[in-house]
Amino acid sequence: MSASHTALLGLIAGLTIFLGLPIGRMQSLSRRRRALLSVISAGILLFIFWDVMDAAHKLIATSLASAHASGSWGELVLRSAMLFGGLALGAFGLGFAERWLMKRRPACPIAGGSSLAPASTVTETAAIAEQGERAALTVAMLIAIAIGLHNFSEGLAIGVSARAGEIGLATTLIIGFALHNATEGFGIVGPLDGVHPSWRWLALVGVIGGGPTVLGTLIGYRVSSPPLELAFYALAAGAVLYVVVQIMGMSIKRLTPQLVLMGLLIGFSVGMASDLIITYAGG
């Protein structure tokens, strides 16, 4: 399979993330239902975290087996440091990114006792609503970034398989990742909490979340590097973990513990079901 054909199939796999994004513009959902959708998206992200950490663990386990056989522990120590350092960088880096995105939010005006108080109250209410919308869009953007890191590592797997001549495996990965990425689009818009984004904004987060699949495919086709894979696995896992905490903090106030648990289980199951297609067909 040529590099151009591999890139084209990687593009198809990445663009399926757009299939779930239009849900973000549905106006008929209540706030409670949207909160449930947010928890379901958190369940999908929890599966992604588990899936990414499992792949990272396999790379660490390979280094451990090599160290045990040769007596040289340098590679194991280096990869372990990359894993935990990447986790911290992914989680706290996304936290810094959120604060940077939110730092320009408008301050609420202080209402006084003058005759302009009613107008001030209206302005204050509008400012609070704007801050809430901005916060929801920021969280969704962070989810897109976290998923983009994850999809980059998926693209690496597609590229490596195609270059090795494993056409059947590469095709299977593309189909499986395409189905999986469709659920990730839903995961991005789940926490919007009543905010109706523009089509332009949805296109942007789609490119951020799905575009790295193509980039990873191109790099994986030309470069096979376990340390590079490990670095992006760690960054993706840390970023996903941060986003899950943010989603749960927003949603748990509006849902009962039973609904939260149900949503997490549904999301995790959806993520696992899409991933099993890859495992079954490729095994």
Protein backbone atom coordinates (compact mmCIF):
# COMPACT_ATOMS: atom_id res chain seq x y z
CA MET A 1 0.00 0.00 0.00
CA SER A 2 1.46 3.36 -1.05
CA ALA A 3 1.85 6.33 1.27
CA SER A 4 -0.88 8.27 -0.57
CA HIS A 5 -3.37 5.40 -0.31
CA THR A 6 -2.53 4.96 3.38
CA ALA A 7 -3.06 8.69 3.99
CA LEU A 8 -6.41 8.60 2.17
CA LEU A 9 -7.68 5.69 4.27
CA GLY A 10 -6.39 7.39 7.42
CA LEU A 11 -8.34 10.49 6.39
CA ILE A 12 -11.51 8.41 6.05
CA ALA A 13 -10.94 6.93 9.51
CA GLY A 14 -10.41 10.38 11.03
CA LEU A 15 -13.31 12.15 9.35
CA THR A 16 -15.92 9.79 10.80
CA ILE A 17 -15.65 11.80 14.00
CA PHE A 18 -17.95 14.31 12.25
CA LEU A 19 -20.81 11.77 12.30
CA GLY A 20 -21.47 12.34 16.01
CA LEU A 21 -20.92 16.10 16.13
CA PRO A 22 -24.32 17.30 14.79
CA ILE A 23 -25.92 16.03 18.02
CA GLY A 24 -24.50 19.18 19.60
CA ARG A 25 -27.03 21.31 17.71
CA MET A 26 -30.12 19.41 18.88
CA GLN A 27 -32.35 21.86 20.78
CA SER A 28 -35.00 19.44 22.01
CA LEU A 29 -32.92 17.88 24.81
CA SER A 30 -33.55 18.94 28.41
CA ARG A 31 -30.70 19.92 30.71
CA ARG A 32 -31.09 16.65 32.61
CA ARG A 33 -30.80 14.62 29.41
CA ARG A 34 -27.81 16.63 28.33
CA ALA A 35 -26.20 15.95 31.70
CA LEU A 36 -26.79 12.24 31.09
CA LEU A 37 -25.20 12.56 27.64
CA SER A 38 -22.21 14.21 29.32
CA VAL A 39 -21.79 11.27 31.68
CA ILE A 40 -22.10 8.83 28.77
CA SER A 41 -19.35 10.75 26.98
CA ALA A 42 -17.27 10.47 30.16
CA GLY A 43 -17.81 6.71 30.00
CA ILE A 44 -16.50 6.68 26.42
CA LEU A 45 -13.48 8.66 27.56
CA LEU A 46 -12.90 6.26 30.45
CA PHE A 47 -12.71 3.43 27.94
CA ILE A 48 -10.25 5.44 25.85
CA PHE A 49 -8.14 5.98 29.00
CA TRP A 50 -8.17 2.25 29.75
CA ASP A 51 -7.39 1.37 26.12
CA VAL A 52 -4.50 3.83 25.90
CA MET A 53 -3.01 2.76 29.23
CA ASP A 54 -3.25 -0.89 28.17
CA ALA A 55 -1.24 -0.11 25.02
CA ALA A 56 1.31 1.86 27.07
CA HIS A 57 1.56 -0.99 29.59
CA LYS A 58 2.44 -3.42 26.79
CA LEU A 59 5.33 -1.21 25.71
CA ILE A 60 6.57 -0.99 29.30
CA ALA A 61 6.17 -4.76 29.74
CA THR A 62 8.29 -5.34 26.62
CA SER A 63 11.05 -3.19 28.12
CA LEU A 64 10.76 -5.07 31.41
CA ALA A 65 11.15 -8.43 29.66
CA SER A 66 14.15 -7.11 27.73
CA ALA A 67 15.73 -5.75 30.91
CA HIS A 68 15.19 -9.03 32.72
CA ALA A 69 16.86 -10.96 29.89
CA SER A 70 19.83 -8.62 29.32
CA GLY A 71 20.32 -7.10 32.76
CA SER A 72 20.21 -3.58 31.31
CA TRP A 73 17.52 -1.47 32.97
CA GLY A 74 18.15 1.87 31.30
CA GLU A 75 15.42 1.56 28.65
CA LEU A 76 12.85 0.47 31.23
CA VAL A 77 13.63 3.43 33.49
CA LEU A 78 13.50 5.85 30.56
CA ARG A 79 10.16 4.54 29.26
CA SER A 80 8.65 4.52 32.74
CA ALA A 81 9.71 8.14 33.21
CA MET A 82 8.18 8.98 29.81
CA LEU A 83 4.92 7.32 30.81
CA PHE A 84 4.47 9.07 34.15
CA GLY A 85 5.88 12.35 32.88
CA GLY A 86 3.53 12.24 29.89
CA LEU A 87 0.55 11.51 32.14
CA ALA A 88 1.34 14.54 34.27
CA LEU A 89 2.02 16.76 31.24
CA GLY A 90 -1.21 15.69 29.55
CA ALA A 91 -3.35 16.26 32.63
CA PHE A 92 -1.84 19.46 34.01
CA GLY A 93 -1.05 20.85 30.57
CA LEU A 94 -4.72 20.62 29.65
CA GLY A 95 -5.56 22.30 32.96
CA PHE A 96 -3.27 25.22 32.10
CA ALA A 97 -4.82 25.35 28.62
CA GLU A 98 -8.29 25.61 30.12
CA ARG A 99 -7.27 28.47 32.40
CA TRP A 100 -5.66 30.25 29.45
CA LEU A 101 -8.81 29.85 27.34
CA MET A 102 -10.99 31.14 30.17
CA LYS A 103 -8.82 33.98 31.43
CA ARG A 104 -10.38 36.55 29.09
CA ARG A 105 -13.94 35.88 30.24
CA PRO A 106 -15.82 39.10 31.04
CA ALA A 107 -16.20 40.09 34.67
CA CYS A 108 -19.72 40.37 36.03
CA PRO A 109 -20.73 44.00 36.66
CA ILE A 110 -21.50 44.99 40.21
CA ALA A 111 -25.12 46.00 40.64
CA GLY A 112 -25.62 49.12 42.71
CA GLY A 113 -28.63 50.77 44.26
CA SER A 114 -29.17 53.42 41.58
CA SER A 115 -32.02 53.69 39.13
CA LEU A 116 -29.92 51.71 36.67
CA ALA A 117 -30.11 48.60 38.86
CA PRO A 118 -32.62 46.75 36.64
CA ALA A 119 -30.43 47.30 33.58
CA SER A 120 -27.38 46.20 35.57
CA THR A 121 -29.18 43.04 36.63
CA VAL A 122 -30.00 42.20 33.02
CA THR A 123 -26.40 42.83 32.01
CA GLU A 124 -25.12 40.70 34.88
CA THR A 125 -27.44 37.84 33.93
CA ALA A 126 -26.27 38.02 30.32
CA ALA A 127 -22.63 38.00 31.45
CA ILE A 128 -23.19 34.92 33.63
CA ALA A 129 -24.92 33.15 30.75
CA GLU A 130 -22.02 34.04 28.46
CA GLN A 131 -19.53 32.67 30.98
CA GLY A 132 -21.49 29.42 31.22
CA GLU A 133 -21.55 29.06 27.45
CA ARG A 134 -17.85 29.80 27.22
CA ALA A 135 -17.07 27.23 29.92
CA ALA A 136 -19.09 24.52 28.14
CA LEU A 137 -17.42 25.23 24.79
CA THR A 138 -14.00 25.22 26.48
CA VAL A 139 -14.56 21.80 28.05
CA ALA A 140 -15.74 20.43 24.69
CA MET A 141 -12.65 21.87 23.01
CA LEU A 142 -10.43 20.22 25.64
CA ILE A 143 -12.14 16.90 24.93
CA ALA A 144 -11.39 17.36 21.22
CA ILE A 145 -7.71 18.01 22.04
CA ALA A 146 -7.52 14.92 24.27
CA ILE A 147 -9.19 12.76 21.62
CA GLY A 148 -6.86 14.21 18.99
CA LEU A 149 -3.85 12.99 20.98
CA HIS A 150 -5.47 9.57 21.24
CA ASN A 151 -6.26 9.46 17.52
CA PHE A 152 -2.67 10.36 16.64
CA SER A 153 -1.53 7.14 18.31
CA GLU A 154 -4.25 5.24 16.41
CA GLY A 155 -2.93 6.73 13.17
CA LEU A 156 0.56 5.52 14.06
CA ALA A 157 -0.79 1.95 14.29
CA ILE A 158 -2.45 2.25 10.86
CA GLY A 159 0.71 3.62 9.24
CA VAL A 160 3.02 1.02 10.76
CA SER A 161 0.75 -1.83 9.62
CA ALA A 162 0.47 -0.46 6.08
CA ARG A 163 4.22 -0.02 5.72
CA ALA A 164 4.85 -3.56 6.98
CA GLY A 165 2.65 -4.84 4.17
CA GLU A 166 -0.08 -6.07 6.52
CA ILE A 167 -2.83 -4.76 4.26
CA GLY A 168 -5.58 -6.81 5.90
CA LEU A 169 -4.65 -5.59 9.37
CA ALA A 170 -4.32 -1.99 8.21
CA THR A 171 -7.74 -2.12 6.54
CA THR A 172 -9.27 -3.66 9.64
CA LEU A 173 -7.74 -0.96 11.82
CA ILE A 174 -9.11 1.75 9.54
CA ILE A 175 -12.64 0.31 9.62
CA GLY A 176 -12.53 -0.22 13.37
CA PHE A 177 -11.09 3.21 14.10
CA ALA A 178 -13.68 4.79 11.79
CA LEU A 179 -16.51 3.27 13.84
CA HIS A 180 -14.76 4.16 17.07
CA ASN A 181 -14.16 7.77 16.01
CA ALA A 182 -17.87 8.18 15.24
CA THR A 183 -18.60 7.65 18.95
CA GLU A 184 -15.85 10.13 19.86
CA GLY A 185 -17.70 12.88 18.02
CA PHE A 186 -20.60 12.31 20.37
CA GLY A 187 -18.18 12.40 23.29
CA ILE A 188 -17.04 15.89 22.30
CA VAL A 189 -20.50 17.49 22.19
CA GLY A 190 -21.97 15.60 25.16
CA PRO A 191 -20.93 18.19 27.80
CA LEU A 192 -22.20 21.27 25.91
CA ASP A 193 -25.06 21.55 28.42
CA GLY A 194 -27.66 23.35 26.31
CA VAL A 195 -25.17 25.39 24.30
CA HIS A 196 -25.86 25.21 20.56
CA PRO A 197 -22.53 25.58 18.75
CA SER A 198 -22.17 26.92 15.23
CA TRP A 199 -21.38 24.65 12.31
CA ARG A 200 -18.03 26.43 12.04
CA TRP A 201 -17.18 25.54 15.65
CA LEU A 202 -18.21 21.92 15.08
CA ALA A 203 -15.98 21.79 12.00
CA LEU A 204 -13.07 23.13 14.06
CA VAL A 205 -13.36 20.57 16.86
CA GLY A 206 -13.82 17.84 14.25
CA VAL A 207 -10.52 18.77 12.64
CA ILE A 208 -8.80 18.98 16.04
CA GLY A 209 -10.15 15.60 17.14
CA GLY A 210 -10.01 13.67 13.86
CA GLY A 211 -7.19 15.37 11.95
CA PRO A 212 -4.36 13.84 14.03
CA THR A 213 -5.42 10.41 12.75
CA VAL A 214 -4.17 11.40 9.30
CA LEU A 215 -0.98 12.95 10.68
CA GLY A 216 -0.27 9.84 12.77
CA THR A 217 -0.89 7.62 9.73
CA LEU A 218 1.67 9.52 7.65
CA ILE A 219 4.29 9.45 10.42
CA GLY A 220 3.63 5.79 11.26
CA TYR A 221 4.08 4.87 7.59
CA ARG A 222 7.55 6.40 7.55
CA VAL A 223 8.77 6.02 11.14
CA SER A 224 8.31 3.10 13.52
CA SER A 225 9.15 4.33 17.03
CA PRO A 226 7.87 2.68 20.23
CA PRO A 227 9.08 5.66 22.34
CA LEU A 228 7.04 8.01 20.12
CA GLU A 229 3.98 5.80 20.57
CA LEU A 230 4.51 5.69 24.33
CA ALA A 231 4.85 9.46 24.54
CA PHE A 232 1.52 10.06 22.80
CA TYR A 233 -0.19 7.28 24.73
CA ALA A 234 0.87 8.96 27.97
CA LEU A 235 -0.13 12.46 26.83
CA ALA A 236 -3.51 11.20 25.62
CA ALA A 237 -4.21 9.28 28.84
CA GLY A 238 -3.37 12.27 31.04
CA ALA A 239 -5.49 14.63 28.95
CA VAL A 240 -8.45 12.22 28.92
CA LEU A 241 -8.26 11.76 32.69
CA TYR A 242 -8.38 15.52 33.24
CA VAL A 243 -11.40 15.92 30.99
CA VAL A 244 -13.28 13.07 32.71
CA VAL A 245 -12.84 14.81 36.06
CA GLN A 246 -14.16 18.06 34.58
CA ILE A 247 -17.23 16.37 33.07
CA MET A 248 -18.07 14.53 36.27
CA GLY A 249 -17.78 17.73 38.29
CA MET A 250 -20.38 19.42 36.06
CA SER A 251 -22.79 16.51 35.69
CA ILE A 252 -22.93 14.93 39.13
CA LYS A 253 -24.88 17.90 40.53
CA ARG A 254 -27.82 17.28 38.20
CA LEU A 255 -28.08 13.49 38.26
CA THR A 256 -28.63 10.84 40.88
CA PRO A 257 -25.73 8.47 41.62
CA GLN A 258 -27.67 5.70 39.86
CA LEU A 259 -27.97 7.73 36.64
CA VAL A 260 -24.30 8.69 36.81
CA LEU A 261 -23.30 5.04 37.14
CA MET A 262 -25.66 4.03 34.33
CA GLY A 263 -24.28 6.71 32.03
CA LEU A 264 -20.68 5.69 32.71
CA LEU A 265 -21.49 2.04 32.04
CA ILE A 266 -23.31 2.88 28.79
CA GLY A 267 -20.43 5.04 27.55
CA PHE A 268 -17.79 2.50 28.51
CA SER A 269 -19.77 -0.27 26.81
CA VAL A 270 -20.16 1.75 23.61
CA GLY A 271 -16.42 2.40 23.51
CA MET A 272 -15.59 -1.24 24.16
CA ALA A 273 -18.08 -2.51 21.57
CA SER A 274 -16.52 -0.35 18.85
CA ASP A 275 -13.03 -1.42 19.86
CA LEU A 276 -13.90 -5.12 19.87
CA ILE A 277 -14.49 -4.88 16.13
CA ILE A 278 -10.80 -4.04 15.71
CA THR A 279 -9.67 -6.82 18.04
CA TYR A 280 -11.92 -9.51 16.54
CA ALA A 281 -11.22 -8.78 12.88
CA GLY A 282 -7.51 -8.20 13.42
CA GLY A 283 -6.98 -11.25 15.62
